[in-house]
């Protein structure tokens, strides 16, 4: 008998006309982050997301 896995809970973080950032709370408790940039999607785990945000913040310095 197959287990029914609940769908991840998703939340849009930010969006523009061409880009979308969203996060998903997975059934196992892991939070993943996703950037949709036109036809490319990047997927991040929490530690990777934190490093990415640090990188982006350093661009404006």
PDB file of N, CA and C in Angstrom:
ATOM      1  N   UNK A   1       0.848  -1.171   0.000  1.00  0.00           N
ATOM      2  CA  UNK A   1       0.000   0.000   0.000  1.00  0.00           C
ATOM      3  C   UNK A   1       0.896   1.238   0.000  1.00  0.00           C
ATOM      4  N   UNK A   2       0.614   2.174  -0.871  1.00  0.00           N
ATOM      5  CA  UNK A   2       1.430   3.382  -0.998  1.00  0.00           C
ATOM      6  C   UNK A   2       1.053   4.387   0.087  1.00  0.00           C
ATOM      7  N   UNK A   3       2.085   5.051   0.598  1.00  0.00           N
ATOM      8  CA  UNK A   3       1.845   6.116   1.582  1.00  0.00           C
ATOM      9  C   UNK A   3       1.414   7.385   0.869  1.00  0.00           C
ATOM     10  N   UNK A   4       0.515   8.119   1.465  1.00  0.00           N
ATOM     11  CA  UNK A   4       0.138   9.423   0.923  1.00  0.00           C
ATOM     12  C   UNK A   4       1.052  10.469   1.520  1.00  0.00           C
ATOM     13  N   UNK A   5       1.877  11.094   0.685  1.00  0.00           N
ATOM     14  CA  UNK A   5       2.772  12.151   1.147  1.00  0.00           C
ATOM     15  C   UNK A   5       2.070  13.483   0.978  1.00  0.00           C
ATOM     16  N   UNK A   6       2.035  14.273   2.043  1.00  0.00           N
ATOM     17  CA  UNK A   6       1.426  15.598   1.886  1.00  0.00           C
ATOM     18  C   UNK A   6       2.269  16.460   0.959  1.00  0.00           C
ATOM     19  N   UNK A   7       1.618  17.336   0.253  1.00  0.00           N
ATOM     20  CA  UNK A   7       2.325  18.252  -0.636  1.00  0.00           C
ATOM     21  C   UNK A   7       3.105  19.259   0.190  1.00  0.00           C
ATOM     22  N   UNK A   8       4.237  19.724  -0.350  1.00  0.00           N
ATOM     23  CA  UNK A   8       4.991  20.768   0.360  1.00  0.00           C
ATOM     24  C   UNK A   8       4.162  22.048   0.470  1.00  0.00           C
ATOM     25  N   UNK A   9       4.362  22.760   1.543  1.00  0.00           N
ATOM     26  CA  UNK A   9       3.716  24.058   1.717  1.00  0.00           C
ATOM     27  C   UNK A   9       4.620  25.099   1.064  1.00  0.00           C
ATOM     28  N   UNK A  10       4.118  25.832   0.090  1.00  0.00           N
ATOM     29  CA  UNK A  10       4.941  26.799  -0.636  1.00  0.00           C
ATOM     30  C   UNK A  10       4.526  28.223  -0.303  1.00  0.00           C
ATOM     31  N   UNK A  11       5.502  29.127  -0.441  1.00  0.00           N
ATOM     32  CA  UNK A  11       5.258  30.539  -0.181  1.00  0.00           C
ATOM     33  C   UNK A  11       6.118  31.356  -1.134  1.00  0.00           C
ATOM     34  N   UNK A  12       5.509  32.308  -1.824  1.00  0.00           N
ATOM     35  CA  UNK A  12       6.257  33.200  -2.697  1.00  0.00           C
ATOM     36  C   UNK A  12       6.978  34.221  -1.826  1.00  0.00           C
ATOM     37  N   UNK A  13       8.286  34.372  -2.052  1.00  0.00           N
ATOM     38  CA  UNK A  13       9.099  35.319  -1.302  1.00  0.00           C
ATOM     39  C   UNK A  13       9.113  36.662  -2.018  1.00  0.00           C
ATOM     40  N   UNK A  14       9.328  36.631  -3.341  1.00  0.00           N
ATOM     41  CA  UNK A  14       9.354  37.849  -4.147  1.00  0.00           C
ATOM     42  C   UNK A  14       9.117  37.463  -5.600  1.00  0.00           C
ATOM     43  N   UNK A  15       8.563  38.404  -6.355  1.00  0.00           N
ATOM     44  CA  UNK A  15       8.388  38.160  -7.780  1.00  0.00           C
ATOM     45  C   UNK A  15       8.389  39.461  -8.556  1.00  0.00           C
ATOM     46  N   UNK A  16       8.807  39.346  -9.797  1.00  0.00           N
ATOM     47  CA  UNK A  16       8.754  40.466 -10.733  1.00  0.00           C
ATOM     48  C   UNK A  16       8.117  39.928 -12.008  1.00  0.00           C
ATOM     49  N   UNK A  17       8.170  40.714 -13.053  1.00  0.00           N
ATOM     50  CA  UNK A  17       7.553  40.284 -14.307  1.00  0.00           C
ATOM     51  C   UNK A  17       8.190  39.001 -14.850  1.00  0.00           C
ATOM     52  N   UNK A  18       9.513  38.851 -14.680  1.00  0.00           N
ATOM     53  CA  UNK A  18      10.216  37.707 -15.272  1.00  0.00           C
ATOM     54  C   UNK A  18      10.825  36.741 -14.264  1.00  0.00           C
ATOM     55  N   UNK A  19      10.843  37.086 -12.988  1.00  0.00           N
ATOM     56  CA  UNK A  19      11.546  36.275 -11.994  1.00  0.00           C
ATOM     57  C   UNK A  19      10.638  35.958 -10.809  1.00  0.00           C
ATOM     58  N   UNK A  20      10.949  34.838 -10.159  1.00  0.00           N
ATOM     59  CA  UNK A  20      10.152  34.415  -9.007  1.00  0.00           C
ATOM     60  C   UNK A  20      11.065  33.728  -8.000  1.00  0.00           C
ATOM     61  N   UNK A  21      10.940  34.089  -6.735  1.00  0.00           N
ATOM     62  CA  UNK A  21      11.636  33.410  -5.644  1.00  0.00           C
ATOM     63  C   UNK A  21      10.564  32.853  -4.714  1.00  0.00           C
ATOM     64  N   UNK A  22      10.686  31.560  -4.394  1.00  0.00           N
ATOM     65  CA  UNK A  22       9.709  30.937  -3.514  1.00  0.00           C
ATOM     66  C   UNK A  22      10.389  29.884  -2.664  1.00  0.00           C
ATOM     67  N   UNK A  23       9.720  29.529  -1.566  1.00  0.00           N
ATOM     68  CA  UNK A  23      10.260  28.501  -0.692  1.00  0.00           C
ATOM     69  C   UNK A  23       9.214  27.420  -0.482  1.00  0.00           C
ATOM     70  N   UNK A  24       9.705  26.236  -0.167  1.00  0.00           N
ATOM     71  CA  UNK A  24       8.821  25.096   0.078  1.00  0.00           C
ATOM     72  C   UNK A  24       9.216  24.439   1.385  1.00  0.00           C
ATOM     73  N   UNK A  25       8.241  24.219   2.234  1.00  0.00           N
ATOM     74  CA  UNK A  25       8.447  23.451   3.456  1.00  0.00           C
ATOM     75  C   UNK A  25       8.051  22.020   3.133  1.00  0.00           C
ATOM     76  N   UNK A  26       9.070  21.169   3.012  1.00  0.00           N
ATOM     77  CA  UNK A  26       8.866  19.788   2.603  1.00  0.00           C
ATOM     78  C   UNK A  26       8.249  18.969   3.743  1.00  0.00           C
ATOM     79  N   UNK A  27       7.580  17.864   3.422  1.00  0.00           N
ATOM     80  CA  UNK A  27       6.963  17.023   4.453  1.00  0.00           C
ATOM     81  C   UNK A  27       7.959  16.499   5.489  1.00  0.00           C
ATOM     82  N   UNK A  28       9.235  16.376   5.113  1.00  0.00           N
ATOM     83  CA  UNK A  28      10.240  15.873   6.059  1.00  0.00           C
ATOM     84  C   UNK A  28      10.818  16.969   6.946  1.00  0.00           C
ATOM     85  N   UNK A  29      10.304  18.204   6.811  1.00  0.00           N
ATOM     86  CA  UNK A  29      10.760  19.312   7.644  1.00  0.00           C
ATOM     87  C   UNK A  29      11.830  20.180   7.000  1.00  0.00           C
ATOM     88  N   UNK A  30      12.410  19.724   5.897  1.00  0.00           N
ATOM     89  CA  UNK A  30      13.439  20.498   5.189  1.00  0.00           C
ATOM     90  C   UNK A  30      12.776  21.675   4.480  1.00  0.00           C
ATOM     91  N   UNK A  31      13.454  22.830   4.483  1.00  0.00           N
ATOM     92  CA  UNK A  31      12.984  23.997   3.736  1.00  0.00           C
ATOM     93  C   UNK A  31      13.906  24.163   2.537  1.00  0.00           C
ATOM     94  N   UNK A  32      13.321  24.264   1.359  1.00  0.00           N
ATOM     95  CA  UNK A  32      14.094  24.499   0.147  1.00  0.00           C
ATOM     96  C   UNK A  32      13.659  25.821  -0.473  1.00  0.00           C
ATOM     97  N   UNK A  33      14.600  26.447  -1.166  1.00  0.00           N
ATOM     98  CA  UNK A  33      14.359  27.739  -1.810  1.00  0.00           C
ATOM     99  C   UNK A  33      14.567  27.578  -3.303  1.00  0.00           C
ATOM    100  N   UNK A  34      13.798  28.336  -4.079  1.00  0.00           N
ATOM    101  CA  UNK A  34      13.808  28.180  -5.531  1.00  0.00           C
ATOM    102  C   UNK A  34      13.782  29.551  -6.190  1.00  0.00           C
ATOM    103  N   UNK A  35      14.650  29.725  -7.177  1.00  0.00           N
ATOM    104  CA  UNK A  35      14.657  30.937  -7.987  1.00  0.00           C
ATOM    105  C   UNK A  35      14.307  30.549  -9.408  1.00  0.00           C
ATOM    106  N   UNK A  36      13.253  31.124  -9.948  1.00  0.00           N
ATOM    107  CA  UNK A  36      12.882  30.903 -11.337  1.00  0.00           C
ATOM    108  C   UNK A  36      13.287  32.148 -12.111  1.00  0.00           C
ATOM    109  N   UNK A  37      14.261  31.979 -12.996  1.00  0.00           N
ATOM    110  CA  UNK A  37      14.813  33.076 -13.779  1.00  0.00           C
ATOM    111  C   UNK A  37      14.570  32.766 -15.253  1.00  0.00           C
ATOM    112  N   UNK A  38      13.468  33.267 -15.775  1.00  0.00           N
ATOM    113  CA  UNK A  38      13.011  32.921 -17.124  1.00  0.00           C
ATOM    114  C   UNK A  38      12.890  31.415 -17.230  1.00  0.00           C
ATOM    115  N   UNK A  39      13.697  30.750 -18.068  1.00  0.00           N
ATOM    116  CA  UNK A  39      13.547  29.307 -18.247  1.00  0.00           C
ATOM    117  C   UNK A  39      14.540  28.489 -17.419  1.00  0.00           C
ATOM    118  N   UNK A  40      15.183  29.098 -16.422  1.00  0.00           N
ATOM    119  CA  UNK A  40      16.121  28.409 -15.536  1.00  0.00           C
ATOM    120  C   UNK A  40      15.581  28.466 -14.111  1.00  0.00           C
ATOM    121  N   UNK A  41      15.611  27.320 -13.420  1.00  0.00           N
ATOM    122  CA  UNK A  41      15.229  27.284 -12.015  1.00  0.00           C
ATOM    123  C   UNK A  41      16.405  26.783 -11.201  1.00  0.00           C
ATOM    124  N   UNK A  42      16.764  27.525 -10.150  1.00  0.00           N
ATOM    125  CA  UNK A  42      17.824  27.140  -9.232  1.00  0.00           C
ATOM    126  C   UNK A  42      17.172  26.684  -7.934  1.00  0.00           C
ATOM    127  N   UNK A  43      17.680  25.587  -7.376  1.00  0.00           N
ATOM    128  CA  UNK A  43      17.147  25.019  -6.141  1.00  0.00           C
ATOM    129  C   UNK A  43      18.227  25.084  -5.063  1.00  0.00           C
ATOM    130  N   UNK A  44      17.860  25.515  -3.857  1.00  0.00           N
ATOM    131  CA  UNK A  44      18.806  25.678  -2.757  1.00  0.00           C
ATOM    132  C   UNK A  44      18.277  25.020  -1.491  1.00  0.00           C
ATOM    133  N   UNK A  45      19.179  24.381  -0.729  1.00  0.00           N
ATOM    134  CA  UNK A  45      18.874  24.012   0.638  1.00  0.00           C
ATOM    135  C   UNK A  45      19.174  25.232   1.515  1.00  0.00           C
ATOM    136  N   UNK A  46      18.767  25.205   2.772  1.00  0.00           N
ATOM    137  CA  UNK A  46      18.881  26.374   3.647  1.00  0.00           C
ATOM    138  C   UNK A  46      20.298  26.949   3.686  1.00  0.00           C
ATOM    139  N   UNK A  47      21.312  26.095   3.868  1.00  0.00           N
ATOM    140  CA  UNK A  47      22.689  26.585   3.972  1.00  0.00           C
ATOM    141  C   UNK A  47      23.139  27.246   2.672  1.00  0.00           C
ATOM    142  N   UNK A  48      22.738  26.674   1.552  1.00  0.00           N
ATOM    143  CA  UNK A  48      23.086  27.237   0.249  1.00  0.00           C
ATOM    144  C   UNK A  48      22.374  28.573   0.032  1.00  0.00           C
ATOM    145  N   UNK A  49      21.121  28.651   0.457  1.00  0.00           N
ATOM    146  CA  UNK A  49      20.340  29.884   0.323  1.00  0.00           C
ATOM    147  C   UNK A  49      20.969  31.011   1.129  1.00  0.00           C
ATOM    148  N   UNK A  50      21.370  30.690   2.356  1.00  0.00           N
ATOM    149  CA  UNK A  50      22.017  31.694   3.201  1.00  0.00           C
ATOM    150  C   UNK A  50      23.297  32.216   2.555  1.00  0.00           C
ATOM    151  N   UNK A  51      24.089  31.322   1.977  1.00  0.00           N
ATOM    152  CA  UNK A  51      25.325  31.737   1.300  1.00  0.00           C
ATOM    153  C   UNK A  51      25.016  32.570   0.063  1.00  0.00           C
ATOM    154  N   UNK A  52      23.987  32.179  -0.690  1.00  0.00           N
ATOM    155  CA  UNK A  52      23.587  32.931  -1.871  1.00  0.00           C
ATOM    156  C   UNK A  52      23.150  34.346  -1.498  1.00  0.00           C
ATOM    157  N   UNK A  53      22.334  34.477  -0.439  1.00  0.00           N
ATOM    158  CA  UNK A  53      21.896  35.803  -0.001  1.00  0.00           C
ATOM    159  C   UNK A  53      23.081  36.664   0.431  1.00  0.00           C
ATOM    160  N   UNK A  54      24.044  36.061   1.086  1.00  0.00           N
ATOM    161  CA  UNK A  54      25.260  36.778   1.474  1.00  0.00           C
ATOM    162  C   UNK A  54      26.002  37.277   0.239  1.00  0.00           C
ATOM    163  N   UNK A  55      26.101  36.434  -0.764  1.00  0.00           N
ATOM    164  CA  UNK A  55      26.749  36.822  -2.024  1.00  0.00           C
ATOM    165  C   UNK A  55      26.019  37.988  -2.671  1.00  0.00           C
ATOM    166  N   UNK A  56      24.710  37.906  -2.774  1.00  0.00           N
ATOM    167  CA  UNK A  56      23.920  38.967  -3.405  1.00  0.00           C
ATOM    168  C   UNK A  56      24.049  40.268  -2.612  1.00  0.00           C
ATOM    169  N   UNK A  57      24.018  40.188  -1.294  1.00  0.00           N
ATOM    170  CA  UNK A  57      24.171  41.390  -0.471  1.00  0.00           C
ATOM    171  C   UNK A  57      25.533  42.046  -0.670  1.00  0.00           C
ATOM    172  N   UNK A  58      26.574  41.244  -0.910  1.00  0.00           N
ATOM    173  CA  UNK A  58      27.916  41.813  -1.111  1.00  0.00           C
ATOM    174  C   UNK A  58      28.017  42.515  -2.466  1.00  0.00           C
ATOM    175  N   UNK A  59      27.133  42.234  -3.399  1.00  0.00           N
ATOM    176  CA  UNK A  59      27.158  42.909  -4.692  1.00  0.00           C
ATOM    177  C   UNK A  59      26.787  44.379  -4.569  1.00  0.00           C
ATOM    178  N   UNK A  60      25.983  44.718  -3.597  1.00  0.00           N
ATOM    179  CA  UNK A  60      25.539  46.106  -3.457  1.00  0.00           C
ATOM    180  C   UNK A  60      26.491  46.925  -2.588  1.00  0.00           C
ATOM    181  N   UNK A  61      27.514  46.300  -2.052  1.00  0.00           N
ATOM    182  CA  UNK A  61      28.459  47.007  -1.183  1.00  0.00           C
ATOM    183  C   UNK A  61      29.510  47.762  -1.977  1.00  0.00           C
TER     184      UNK A  61
END
